[in-house]
C-alpha atoms as a PDB file:
ATOM      1  CA  MET A   1      -3.444 -12.237  36.728  1.00  0.00           C
ATOM      2  CA  SER A   2      -3.638 -15.615  37.457  1.00  0.00           C
ATOM      3  CA  THR A   3      -3.325 -18.036  34.296  1.00  0.00           C
ATOM      4  CA  ALA A   4      -4.842 -21.144  36.376  1.00  0.00           C
ATOM      5  CA  PRO A   5      -8.207 -22.584  34.566  1.00  0.00           C
ATOM      6  CA  ILE A   6     -11.257 -21.805  35.886  1.00  0.00           C
ATOM      7  CA  ALA A   7     -14.178 -24.253  36.347  1.00  0.00           C
ATOM      8  CA  GLY A   8     -17.492 -23.940  36.899  1.00  0.00           C
ATOM      9  CA  VAL A   9     -21.460 -23.893  35.939  1.00  0.00           C
ATOM     10  CA  ALA A  10     -22.620 -20.172  33.919  1.00  0.00           C
ATOM     11  CA  ALA A  11     -26.448 -20.077  33.650  1.00  0.00           C
ATOM     12  CA  GLY A  12     -26.638 -23.740  34.141  1.00  0.00           C
ATOM     13  CA  VAL A  13     -23.768 -24.268  31.576  1.00  0.00           C
ATOM     14  CA  PRO A  14     -20.783 -26.244  32.521  1.00  0.00           C
ATOM     15  CA  PHE A  15     -17.470 -24.310  31.677  1.00  0.00           C
ATOM     16  CA  LEU A  16     -13.898 -24.058  31.593  1.00  0.00           C
ATOM     17  CA  ALA A  17     -12.200 -20.603  31.076  1.00  0.00           C
ATOM     18  CA  VAL A  18      -8.819 -19.957  30.738  1.00  0.00           C
ATOM     19  CA  PRO A  19      -7.261 -16.323  31.239  1.00  0.00           C
ATOM     20  CA  PRO A  20      -4.780 -14.976  28.879  1.00  0.00           C
ATOM     21  CA  ALA A  21      -1.320 -14.843  30.127  1.00  0.00           C
ATOM     22  CA  ALA A  22      -1.486 -11.291  30.060  1.00  0.00           C
ATOM     23  CA  SER A  23      -3.785  -8.777  28.870  1.00  0.00           C
ATOM     24  CA  PRO A  24      -3.811  -5.218  27.857  1.00  0.00           C
ATOM     25  CA  PRO A  25      -3.816  -2.661  30.562  1.00  0.00           C
ATOM     26  CA  ASP A  26      -6.493  -0.422  29.820  1.00  0.00           C
ATOM     27  CA  ARG A  27      -9.359  -3.367  28.660  1.00  0.00           C
ATOM     28  CA  PRO A  28     -10.202  -6.658  29.010  1.00  0.00           C
ATOM     29  CA  ALA A  29      -8.840  -9.138  26.962  1.00  0.00           C
ATOM     30  CA  PRO A  30     -10.932 -10.662  23.630  1.00  0.00           C
ATOM     31  CA  VAL A  31     -13.314 -13.517  24.903  1.00  0.00           C
ATOM     32  CA  VAL A  32     -12.944 -17.022  22.577  1.00  0.00           C
ATOM     33  CA  VAL A  33     -16.037 -19.178  23.504  1.00  0.00           C
ATOM     34  CA  ALA A  34     -15.229 -22.697  22.135  1.00  0.00           C
ATOM     35  CA  TRP A  35     -17.574 -26.071  21.969  1.00  0.00           C
ATOM     36  CA  HIS A  36     -16.741 -29.192  21.727  1.00  0.00           C
ATOM     37  CA  LEU A  37     -17.206 -32.234  19.563  1.00  0.00           C
ATOM     38  CA  MET A  38     -19.963 -35.070  19.834  1.00  0.00           C
ATOM     39  CA  ASP A  39     -16.688 -37.184  18.638  1.00  0.00           C
ATOM     40  CA  PRO A  40     -13.589 -36.927  20.725  1.00  0.00           C
ATOM     41  CA  PRO A  41     -12.922 -34.607  22.500  1.00  0.00           C
ATOM     42  CA  ARG A  42     -16.395 -34.824  23.752  1.00  0.00           C
ATOM     43  CA  THR A  43     -16.086 -32.417  26.867  1.00  0.00           C
ATOM     44  CA  GLU A  44     -14.771 -29.200  27.589  1.00  0.00           C
ATOM     45  CA  ALA A  45     -11.977 -30.384  29.845  1.00  0.00           C
ATOM     46  CA  ALA A  46     -10.784 -32.347  27.145  1.00  0.00           C
ATOM     47  CA  PHE A  47     -11.252 -30.184  23.697  1.00  0.00           C
ATOM     48  CA  ALA A  48      -9.276 -27.379  25.726  1.00  0.00           C
ATOM     49  CA  ALA A  49      -6.478 -30.238  25.676  1.00  0.00           C
ATOM     50  CA  ALA A  50      -6.959 -30.829  22.473  1.00  0.00           C
ATOM     51  CA  VAL A  51      -7.026 -26.919  21.102  1.00  0.00           C
ATOM     52  CA  PRO A  52      -5.613 -24.840  23.765  1.00  0.00           C
ATOM     53  CA  MET A  53      -5.120 -22.044  21.989  1.00  0.00           C
ATOM     54  CA  ALA A  54      -2.473 -20.926  24.242  1.00  0.00           C
ATOM     55  CA  GLY A  55      -0.643 -18.616  21.893  1.00  0.00           C
ATOM     56  CA  LEU A  56      -3.725 -16.464  21.883  1.00  0.00           C
ATOM     57  CA  ALA A  57      -3.638 -13.190  24.172  1.00  0.00           C
ATOM     58  CA  ALA A  58      -7.773 -13.573  24.884  1.00  0.00           C
ATOM     59  CA  TRP A  59      -9.936 -15.330  27.459  1.00  0.00           C
ATOM     60  CA  ARG A  60     -10.897 -18.788  26.164  1.00  0.00           C
ATOM     61  CA  ILE A  61     -13.619 -20.062  27.494  1.00  0.00           C
ATOM     62  CA  TYR A  62     -15.117 -24.062  26.086  1.00  0.00           C
ATOM     63  CA  LEU A  63     -18.504 -24.903  27.091  1.00  0.00           C
ATOM     64  CA  GLY A  64     -19.953 -27.905  27.311  1.00  0.00           C
ATOM     65  CA  LEU A  65     -22.770 -29.668  25.011  1.00  0.00           C
ATOM     66  CA  PRO A  66     -26.179 -30.350  26.468  1.00  0.00           C
ATOM     67  CA  MET A  67     -26.612 -34.101  26.700  1.00  0.00           C
ATOM     68  CA  TYR A  68     -22.853 -33.899  26.999  1.00  0.00           C
ATOM     69  CA  GLY A  69     -20.047 -34.398  29.789  1.00  0.00           C
ATOM     70  CA  ALA A  70     -21.428 -33.033  33.018  1.00  0.00           C
ATOM     71  CA  ARG A  71     -24.820 -32.903  31.720  1.00  0.00           C
ATOM     72  CA  LEU A  72     -25.297 -36.627  29.957  1.00  0.00           C
ATOM     73  CA  PRO A  73     -28.686 -38.509  30.642  1.00  0.00           C
ATOM     74  CA  GLY A  74     -28.978 -41.411  32.660  1.00  0.00           C
ATOM     75  CA  GLY A  75     -27.333 -44.311  31.508  1.00  0.00           C
ATOM     76  CA  GLY A  76     -24.380 -42.106  30.260  1.00  0.00           C
ATOM     77  CA  LEU A  77     -22.808 -42.444  26.184  1.00  0.00           C
ATOM     78  CA  ASP A  78     -24.578 -45.658  25.678  1.00  0.00           C
ATOM     79  CA  GLU A  79     -27.920 -43.693  26.452  1.00  0.00           C
ATOM     80  CA  VAL A  80     -26.957 -40.648  23.948  1.00  0.00           C
ATOM     81  CA  MET A  81     -26.267 -43.894  21.269  1.00  0.00           C
ATOM     82  CA  ARG A  82     -29.366 -45.245  22.025  1.00  0.00           C
ATOM     83  CA  LEU A  83     -31.092 -41.916  21.327  1.00  0.00           C
ATOM     84  CA  ALA A  84     -28.952 -41.192  17.981  1.00  0.00           C
ATOM     85  CA  TYR A  85     -29.678 -44.674  16.709  1.00  0.00           C
ATOM     86  CA  ALA A  86     -33.834 -44.662  17.226  1.00  0.00           C
ATOM     87  CA  ASP A  87     -33.875 -40.667  16.017  1.00  0.00           C
ATOM     88  CA  ALA A  88     -30.323 -38.882  16.027  1.00  0.00           C
ATOM     89  CA  VAL A  89     -31.858 -35.720  14.490  1.00  0.00           C
ATOM     90  CA  LEU A  90     -34.936 -34.923  16.420  1.00  0.00           C
ATOM     91  CA  ASN A  91     -33.539 -36.776  19.926  1.00  0.00           C
ATOM     92  CA  LEU A  92     -30.139 -35.277  19.721  1.00  0.00           C
ATOM     93  CA  GLN A  93     -28.640 -32.685  16.649  1.00  0.00           C
ATOM     94  CA  GLY A  94     -31.892 -30.811  16.376  1.00  0.00           C
ATOM     95  CA  PRO A  95     -31.882 -30.390  20.572  1.00  0.00           C
ATOM     96  CA  VAL A  96     -28.278 -29.967  21.244  1.00  0.00           C
ATOM     97  CA  ALA A  97     -27.726 -27.266  18.670  1.00  0.00           C
ATOM     98  CA  ALA A  98     -31.108 -25.210  19.644  1.00  0.00           C
ATOM     99  CA  GLN A  99     -30.681 -25.372  23.671  1.00  0.00           C
ATOM    100  CA  GLY A 100     -26.604 -24.844  22.800  1.00  0.00           C
ATOM    101  CA  ALA A 101     -27.544 -21.464  20.701  1.00  0.00           C
ATOM    102  CA  GLU A 102     -30.635 -20.696  23.018  1.00  0.00           C
ATOM    103  CA  GLU A 103     -28.326 -21.076  26.170  1.00  0.00           C
ATOM    104  CA  PHE A 104     -25.527 -19.100  25.194  1.00  0.00           C
ATOM    105  CA  PRO A 105     -26.626 -15.746  25.459  1.00  0.00           C
ATOM    106  CA  ALA A 106     -27.339 -15.888  29.453  1.00  0.00           C
ATOM    107  CA  ALA A 107     -24.009 -17.542  30.044  1.00  0.00           C
ATOM    108  CA  LEU A 108     -22.287 -15.751  28.206  1.00  0.00           C
ATOM    109  CA  ALA A 109     -23.535 -12.506  30.363  1.00  0.00           C
ATOM    110  CA  ASP A 110     -23.119 -14.693  33.436  1.00  0.00           C
ATOM    111  CA  LEU A 111     -19.145 -15.140  32.437  1.00  0.00           C
ATOM    112  CA  ARG A 112     -18.841 -11.549  31.592  1.00  0.00           C
ATOM    113  CA  ALA A 113     -19.825  -9.900  34.983  1.00  0.00           C
ATOM    114  CA  ARG A 114     -18.099 -13.098  36.828  1.00  0.00           C
ATOM    115  CA  LEU A 115     -14.596 -12.372  35.437  1.00  0.00           C
ATOM    116  CA  ASP A 116     -14.884  -8.910  34.046  1.00  0.00           C
ATOM    117  CA  LEU A 117     -14.688  -9.987  30.196  1.00  0.00           C
ATOM    118  CA  GLY A 118     -16.123  -6.322  28.693  1.00  0.00           C
ATOM    119  CA  ASP A 119     -18.346  -6.447  26.361  1.00  0.00           C
ATOM    120  CA  GLY A 120     -16.473  -6.528  23.173  1.00  0.00           C
ATOM    121  CA  PRO A 121     -16.252  -9.113  20.442  1.00  0.00           C
ATOM    122  CA  VAL A 122     -15.798 -12.439  21.241  1.00  0.00           C
ATOM    123  CA  GLY A 123     -14.188 -15.507  18.518  1.00  0.00           C
ATOM    124  CA  LEU A 124     -16.216 -18.683  18.265  1.00  0.00           C
ATOM    125  CA  VAL A 125     -14.254 -22.051  17.533  1.00  0.00           C
ATOM    126  CA  GLY A 126     -16.434 -24.981  16.953  1.00  0.00           C
ATOM    127  CA  GLY A 127     -15.712 -28.722  16.687  1.00  0.00           C
ATOM    128  CA  SER A 128     -17.810 -31.129  14.929  1.00  0.00           C
ATOM    129  CA  PHE A 129     -21.388 -30.479  16.103  1.00  0.00           C
ATOM    130  CA  GLY A 130     -20.209 -27.632  18.321  1.00  0.00           C
ATOM    131  CA  THR A 131     -19.585 -25.766  15.232  1.00  0.00           C
ATOM    132  CA  ALA A 132     -23.764 -26.281  14.388  1.00  0.00           C
ATOM    133  CA  ILE A 133     -24.100 -24.163  17.939  1.00  0.00           C
ATOM    134  CA  ALA A 134     -21.508 -21.678  16.581  1.00  0.00           C
ATOM    135  CA  GLN A 135     -22.969 -21.167  13.432  1.00  0.00           C
ATOM    136  CA  LEU A 136     -26.347 -20.611  15.351  1.00  0.00           C
ATOM    137  CA  VAL A 137     -25.072 -18.051  17.612  1.00  0.00           C
ATOM    138  CA  LEU A 138     -23.480 -16.314  14.725  1.00  0.00           C
ATOM    139  CA  THR A 139     -26.370 -16.065  12.584  1.00  0.00           C
ATOM    140  CA  GLU A 140     -29.074 -15.990  15.092  1.00  0.00           C
ATOM    141  CA  THR A 141     -28.601 -15.497  18.854  1.00  0.00           C
ATOM    142  CA  GLY A 142     -25.156 -13.490  18.613  1.00  0.00           C
ATOM    143  CA  PRO A 143     -27.015 -10.808  16.716  1.00  0.00           C
ATOM    144  CA  GLY A 144     -30.306 -10.764  18.595  1.00  0.00           C
ATOM    145  CA  ALA A 145     -28.388 -10.793  21.643  1.00  0.00           C
ATOM    146  CA  GLY A 146     -26.330  -7.434  21.008  1.00  0.00           C
ATOM    147  CA  ILE A 147     -23.247  -9.863  20.536  1.00  0.00           C
ATOM    148  CA  ALA A 148     -20.504  -8.929  17.625  1.00  0.00           C
ATOM    149  CA  VAL A 149     -18.930 -12.063  16.689  1.00  0.00           C
ATOM    150  CA  ALA A 150     -15.634 -11.116  14.582  1.00  0.00           C
ATOM    151  CA  ALA A 151     -14.422 -14.474  13.789  1.00  0.00           C
ATOM    152  CA  ALA A 152     -15.348 -17.741  13.627  1.00  0.00           C
ATOM    153  CA  VAL A 153     -13.126 -21.620  13.296  1.00  0.00           C
ATOM    154  CA  LEU A 154     -15.046 -24.570  12.379  1.00  0.00           C
ATOM    155  CA  ILE A 155     -13.048 -27.477  13.329  1.00  0.00           C
ATOM    156  CA  SER A 156     -14.547 -30.686  11.313  1.00  0.00           C
ATOM    157  CA  PRO A 157     -17.854 -28.672  10.680  1.00  0.00           C
ATOM    158  CA  VAL A 158     -21.379 -29.613  10.321  1.00  0.00           C
ATOM    159  CA  THR A 159     -21.941 -27.232   7.775  1.00  0.00           C
ATOM    160  CA  GLN A 160     -25.049 -28.595   6.016  1.00  0.00           C
ATOM    161  CA  LEU A 161     -26.987 -31.163   8.306  1.00  0.00           C
ATOM    162  CA  CYS A 162     -28.492 -33.735   5.373  1.00  0.00           C
ATOM    163  CA  PRO A 163     -25.240 -35.039   3.860  1.00  0.00           C
ATOM    164  CA  THR A 164     -23.826 -34.824   7.878  1.00  0.00           C
ATOM    165  CA  VAL A 165     -26.260 -37.199   8.421  1.00  0.00           C
ATOM    166  CA  ASP A 166     -26.010 -39.462   5.360  1.00  0.00           C
ATOM    167  CA  ALA A 167     -22.291 -39.715   6.249  1.00  0.00           C
ATOM    168  CA  MET A 168     -22.871 -41.045   9.661  1.00  0.00           C
ATOM    169  CA  GLY A 169     -25.580 -43.466   8.478  1.00  0.00           C
ATOM    170  CA  ARG A 170     -22.560 -44.956   6.044  1.00  0.00           C
ATOM    171  CA  ARG A 171     -20.653 -44.933   9.217  1.00  0.00           C
ATOM    172  CA  PHE A 172     -22.593 -46.746  11.406  1.00  0.00           C
ATOM    173  CA  GLY A 173     -24.717 -48.442   8.560  1.00  0.00           C
ATOM    174  CA  ILE A 174     -27.796 -46.939   9.266  1.00  0.00           C
ATOM    175  CA  THR A 175     -30.318 -45.105   6.840  1.00  0.00           C
ATOM    176  CA  TYR A 176     -32.053 -42.533   8.122  1.00  0.00           C
ATOM    177  CA  SER A 177     -35.559 -41.591   7.541  1.00  0.00           C
ATOM    178  CA  TRP A 178     -36.554 -37.851   6.572  1.00  0.00           C
ATOM    179  CA  GLY A 179     -40.149 -36.420   7.853  1.00  0.00           C
ATOM    180  CA  PRO A 180     -41.807 -32.964   7.802  1.00  0.00           C
ATOM    181  CA  GLU A 181     -39.586 -32.040  11.458  1.00  0.00           C
ATOM    182  CA  SER A 182     -36.379 -33.453  10.952  1.00  0.00           C
ATOM    183  CA  SER A 183     -36.440 -31.602   7.437  1.00  0.00           C
ATOM    184  CA  ALA A 184     -37.200 -28.656   9.545  1.00  0.00           C
ATOM    185  CA  VAL A 185     -34.369 -28.739  11.367  1.00  0.00           C
ATOM    186  CA  ALA A 186     -32.219 -29.853   8.545  1.00  0.00           C
ATOM    187  CA  ARG A 187     -33.141 -26.344   6.856  1.00  0.00           C
ATOM    188  CA  ARG A 188     -32.432 -24.268   9.781  1.00  0.00           C
ATOM    189  CA  LEU A 189     -28.587 -25.965  10.217  1.00  0.00           C
ATOM    190  CA  ASP A 190     -28.353 -25.799   6.385  1.00  0.00           C
ATOM    191  CA  PHE A 191     -25.955 -22.475   6.570  1.00  0.00           C
ATOM    192  CA  ALA A 192     -24.329 -22.927   3.207  1.00  0.00           C
ATOM    193  CA  ALA A 193     -27.992 -21.750   2.394  1.00  0.00           C
ATOM    194  CA  ARG A 194     -28.023 -19.259   4.996  1.00  0.00           C
ATOM    195  CA  ALA A 195     -25.182 -17.455   3.798  1.00  0.00           C
ATOM    196  CA  ASP A 196     -26.974 -14.161   3.695  1.00  0.00           C
ATOM    197  CA  ASP A 197     -27.316 -14.379   7.523  1.00  0.00           C
ATOM    198  CA  PHE A 198     -23.371 -14.480   7.765  1.00  0.00           C
ATOM    199  CA  VAL A 199     -23.561 -11.214   6.108  1.00  0.00           C
ATOM    200  CA  ALA A 200     -26.232  -9.920   8.280  1.00  0.00           C
ATOM    201  CA  ALA A 201     -24.248 -10.876  11.244  1.00  0.00           C
ATOM    202  CA  GLY A 202     -21.315  -8.140   9.772  1.00  0.00           C
ATOM    203  CA  GLN A 203     -19.745 -10.839   7.424  1.00  0.00           C
ATOM    204  CA  PRO A 204     -17.500 -12.196  10.202  1.00  0.00           C
ATOM    205  CA  ALA A 205     -13.969 -13.756   9.535  1.00  0.00           C
ATOM    206  CA  VAL A 206     -14.560 -17.496   8.961  1.00  0.00           C
ATOM    207  CA  ARG A 207     -12.058 -20.454   8.820  1.00  0.00           C
ATOM    208  CA  LEU A 208     -13.470 -23.503   8.149  1.00  0.00           C
ATOM    209  CA  VAL A 209     -10.827 -26.393   9.152  1.00  0.00           C
ATOM    210  CA  LEU A 210     -10.961 -29.786   7.786  1.00  0.00           C
ATOM    211  CA  GLY A 211      -9.211 -33.526   8.093  1.00  0.00           C
ATOM    212  CA  ALA A 212      -8.062 -34.407   4.865  1.00  0.00           C
ATOM    213  CA  ASP A 213      -9.193 -38.102   5.532  1.00  0.00           C
ATOM    214  CA  ASP A 214     -12.800 -36.778   6.680  1.00  0.00           C
ATOM    215  CA  ASP A 215     -15.614 -38.004   4.655  1.00  0.00           C
ATOM    216  CA  ARG A 216     -15.836 -35.835   1.535  1.00  0.00           C
ATOM    217  CA  GLU A 217     -19.451 -35.786   1.162  1.00  0.00           C
ATOM    218  CA  GLY A 218     -20.655 -35.314   4.371  1.00  0.00           C
ATOM    219  CA  PHE A 219     -17.857 -32.701   5.549  1.00  0.00           C
ATOM    220  CA  HIS A 220     -15.682 -31.886   2.911  1.00  0.00           C
ATOM    221  CA  ASP A 221     -18.040 -31.055   0.012  1.00  0.00           C
ATOM    222  CA  PRO A 222     -20.936 -29.331   2.177  1.00  0.00           C
ATOM    223  CA  ALA A 223     -17.535 -26.853   3.253  1.00  0.00           C
ATOM    224  CA  GLU A 224     -16.795 -25.912   0.222  1.00  0.00           C
ATOM    225  CA  ARG A 225     -20.583 -25.213  -0.482  1.00  0.00           C
ATOM    226  CA  LEU A 226     -19.970 -22.458   2.835  1.00  0.00           C
ATOM    227  CA  ARG A 227     -16.911 -20.940   1.566  1.00  0.00           C
ATOM    228  CA  SER A 228     -18.047 -20.747  -1.877  1.00  0.00           C
ATOM    229  CA  ALA A 229     -21.320 -18.748  -0.970  1.00  0.00           C
ATOM    230  CA  LEU A 230     -19.957 -16.739   1.667  1.00  0.00           C
ATOM    231  CA  SER A 231     -16.918 -15.479  -0.549  1.00  0.00           C
ATOM    232  CA  GLU A 232     -19.821 -14.740  -3.451  1.00  0.00           C
ATOM    233  CA  ARG A 233     -21.293 -12.703  -0.725  1.00  0.00           C
ATOM    234  CA  TYR A 234     -18.564 -10.762   1.297  1.00  0.00           C
ATOM    235  CA  ALA A 235     -16.980  -7.719   0.346  1.00  0.00           C
ATOM    236  CA  ASP A 236     -13.581  -9.131   1.699  1.00  0.00           C
ATOM    237  CA  PRO A 237     -13.874 -12.536   0.343  1.00  0.00           C
ATOM    238  CA  ALA A 238      -9.993 -13.398   1.740  1.00  0.00           C
ATOM    239  CA  ARG A 239     -12.359 -13.202   5.373  1.00  0.00           C
ATOM    240  CA  VAL A 240     -13.409 -16.439   4.419  1.00  0.00           C
ATOM    241  CA  ASP A 241     -11.118 -19.520   4.724  1.00  0.00           C
ATOM    242  CA  LEU A 242     -10.560 -23.146   4.111  1.00  0.00           C
ATOM    243  CA  VAL A 243      -7.747 -25.603   5.352  1.00  0.00           C
ATOM    244  CA  THR A 244      -6.887 -28.759   5.512  1.00  0.00           C
ATOM    245  CA  VAL A 245      -4.908 -31.153   7.728  1.00  0.00           C
ATOM    246  CA  PRO A 246      -3.063 -34.199   5.711  1.00  0.00           C
ATOM    247  CA  GLY A 247      -3.868 -37.598   7.581  1.00  0.00           C
ATOM    248  CA  MET A 248      -6.841 -36.058   9.752  1.00  0.00           C
ATOM    249  CA  ALA A 249     -10.048 -37.662   9.641  1.00  0.00           C
ATOM    250  CA  HIS A 250     -12.954 -36.225  11.984  1.00  0.00           C
ATOM    251  CA  ALA A 251     -12.322 -36.545  15.411  1.00  0.00           C
ATOM    252  CA  LEU A 252      -9.201 -34.554  17.307  1.00  0.00           C
ATOM    253  CA  ALA A 253      -8.321 -36.767  20.166  1.00  0.00           C
ATOM    254  CA  ASP A 254      -8.477 -40.347  20.975  1.00  0.00           C
ATOM    255  CA  GLU A 255     -11.684 -42.301  22.715  1.00  0.00           C
ATOM    256  CA  PRO A 256     -13.076 -41.894  25.031  1.00  0.00           C
ATOM    257  CA  GLY A 257     -12.683 -38.503  24.942  1.00  0.00           C
ATOM    258  CA  ILE A 258     -13.534 -37.456  28.411  1.00  0.00           C
ATOM    259  CA  GLU A 259     -10.729 -36.289  30.330  1.00  0.00           C
ATOM    260  CA  PRO A 260      -8.029 -33.900  28.912  1.00  0.00           C
ATOM    261  CA  ALA A 261      -5.234 -36.012  27.029  1.00  0.00           C
ATOM    262  CA  PRO A 262      -1.985 -35.245  25.101  1.00  0.00           C
ATOM    263  CA  GLN A 263      -2.555 -32.998  22.396  1.00  0.00           C
ATOM    264  CA  THR A 264      -2.354 -35.773  19.110  1.00  0.00           C
ATOM    265  CA  SER A 265       0.235 -33.634  16.167  1.00  0.00           C
ATOM    266  CA  HIS A 266      -3.518 -33.345  14.650  1.00  0.00           C
ATOM    267  CA  ALA A 267      -4.542 -31.339  16.610  1.00  0.00           C
ATOM    268  CA  ALA A 268      -1.567 -29.426  16.956  1.00  0.00           C
ATOM    269  CA  VAL A 269      -2.022 -28.421  13.665  1.00  0.00           C
ATOM    270  CA  VAL A 270      -6.065 -27.290  14.165  1.00  0.00           C
ATOM    271  CA  ASP A 271      -4.879 -25.391  17.012  1.00  0.00           C
ATOM    272  CA  ARG A 272      -2.237 -23.561  14.998  1.00  0.00           C
ATOM    273  CA  TYR A 273      -4.802 -22.778  12.280  1.00  0.00           C
ATOM    274  CA  ALA A 274      -7.251 -21.498  14.946  1.00  0.00           C
ATOM    275  CA  VAL A 275      -4.427 -19.101  16.833  1.00  0.00           C
ATOM    276  CA  GLU A 276      -3.121 -17.451  13.402  1.00  0.00           C
ATOM    277  CA  TRP A 277      -6.979 -16.987  12.398  1.00  0.00           C
ATOM    278  CA  LEU A 278      -8.339 -15.294  15.831  1.00  0.00           C
ATOM    279  CA  ARG A 279      -4.758 -13.513  16.274  1.00  0.00           C
ATOM    280  CA  GLN A 280      -5.412 -11.972  12.750  1.00  0.00           C
ATOM    281  CA  HIS A 281      -9.213 -11.425  12.846  1.00  0.00           C
ATOM    282  CA  LEU A 282     -10.150 -10.945  16.681  1.00  0.00           C
ATOM    283  CA  LEU A 283      -7.575  -9.383  17.958  1.00  0.00           C
ATOM    284  CA  ASP A 284      -7.921  -6.913  14.451  1.00  0.00           C
ATOM    285  CA  ALA A 285     -11.030  -6.444  15.606  1.00  0.00           C
ATOM    286  CA  VAL A 286     -10.195  -4.037  19.074  1.00  0.00           C
ATOM    287  CA  PRO A 287      -8.938  -0.916  18.199  1.00  0.00           C
ATOM    288  CA  ALA A 288      -5.011  -0.425  18.030  1.00  0.00           C
ATOM    289  CA  GLY A 289      -5.301   2.529  21.049  1.00  0.00           C
ATOM    290  CA  ASP A 290      -7.318  -0.185  23.238  1.00  0.00           C
ATOM    291  CA  ARG A 291      -5.319  -2.997  22.494  1.00  0.00           C
END
């Protein structure tokens, strides 16, 4: 099998698929699907360079976020920022999360047929707002579409939208005004309050990876709340984990974060954490005789 990356579009979603160096002779290799950040790295190719997961014997499929990369609106990132300043939740965060989760089953079905991926359990990886899509897939789209999620790695995660929006407001010097529509989006993206949905999805193994220098109230505290809520509900609390990367803030690459760039030292640590977790919890989800 060639290990050269495959770029294309699956059911309207831009992707970069990286084959495993080796796969079991009697079945397709496991599949990991990843969504990038809105911060650097902010395209599927840039995220693949930052978190390549090369040590994992699995397909790594990086999907582009709606409104980013090849799907930037007219005006590019400047237009994205304009929309965010006008209403970050209703113009950007809500639509990106909803569309990313909604388009996932068709994209995965297309890729499974095109790349002969099989129908086994999958692992999910997200960076920052890409984690909101991963968590929607896990709690809503995956079970409804018959997609079994064995494990997830959530990097610089958005686990509760309200404190994240407040953190972004502090960063950009604005105060967000919540209304009925945006509050409904926030409730949907409050995954600490939706811990029972993780249980209903089969108690997938969840690792949260945070930069030690990231915003405490916007990211660390919500992640701790999710970790605590899942640990209380899971039959095996060891299937939930939170780790921090010393010296890392929120982003995983330098600006502009559009093209692939050399992996930073912080991203290398994140990559190791992801490979370790997925090797244990995704590969272990495949019966030993089928690996």
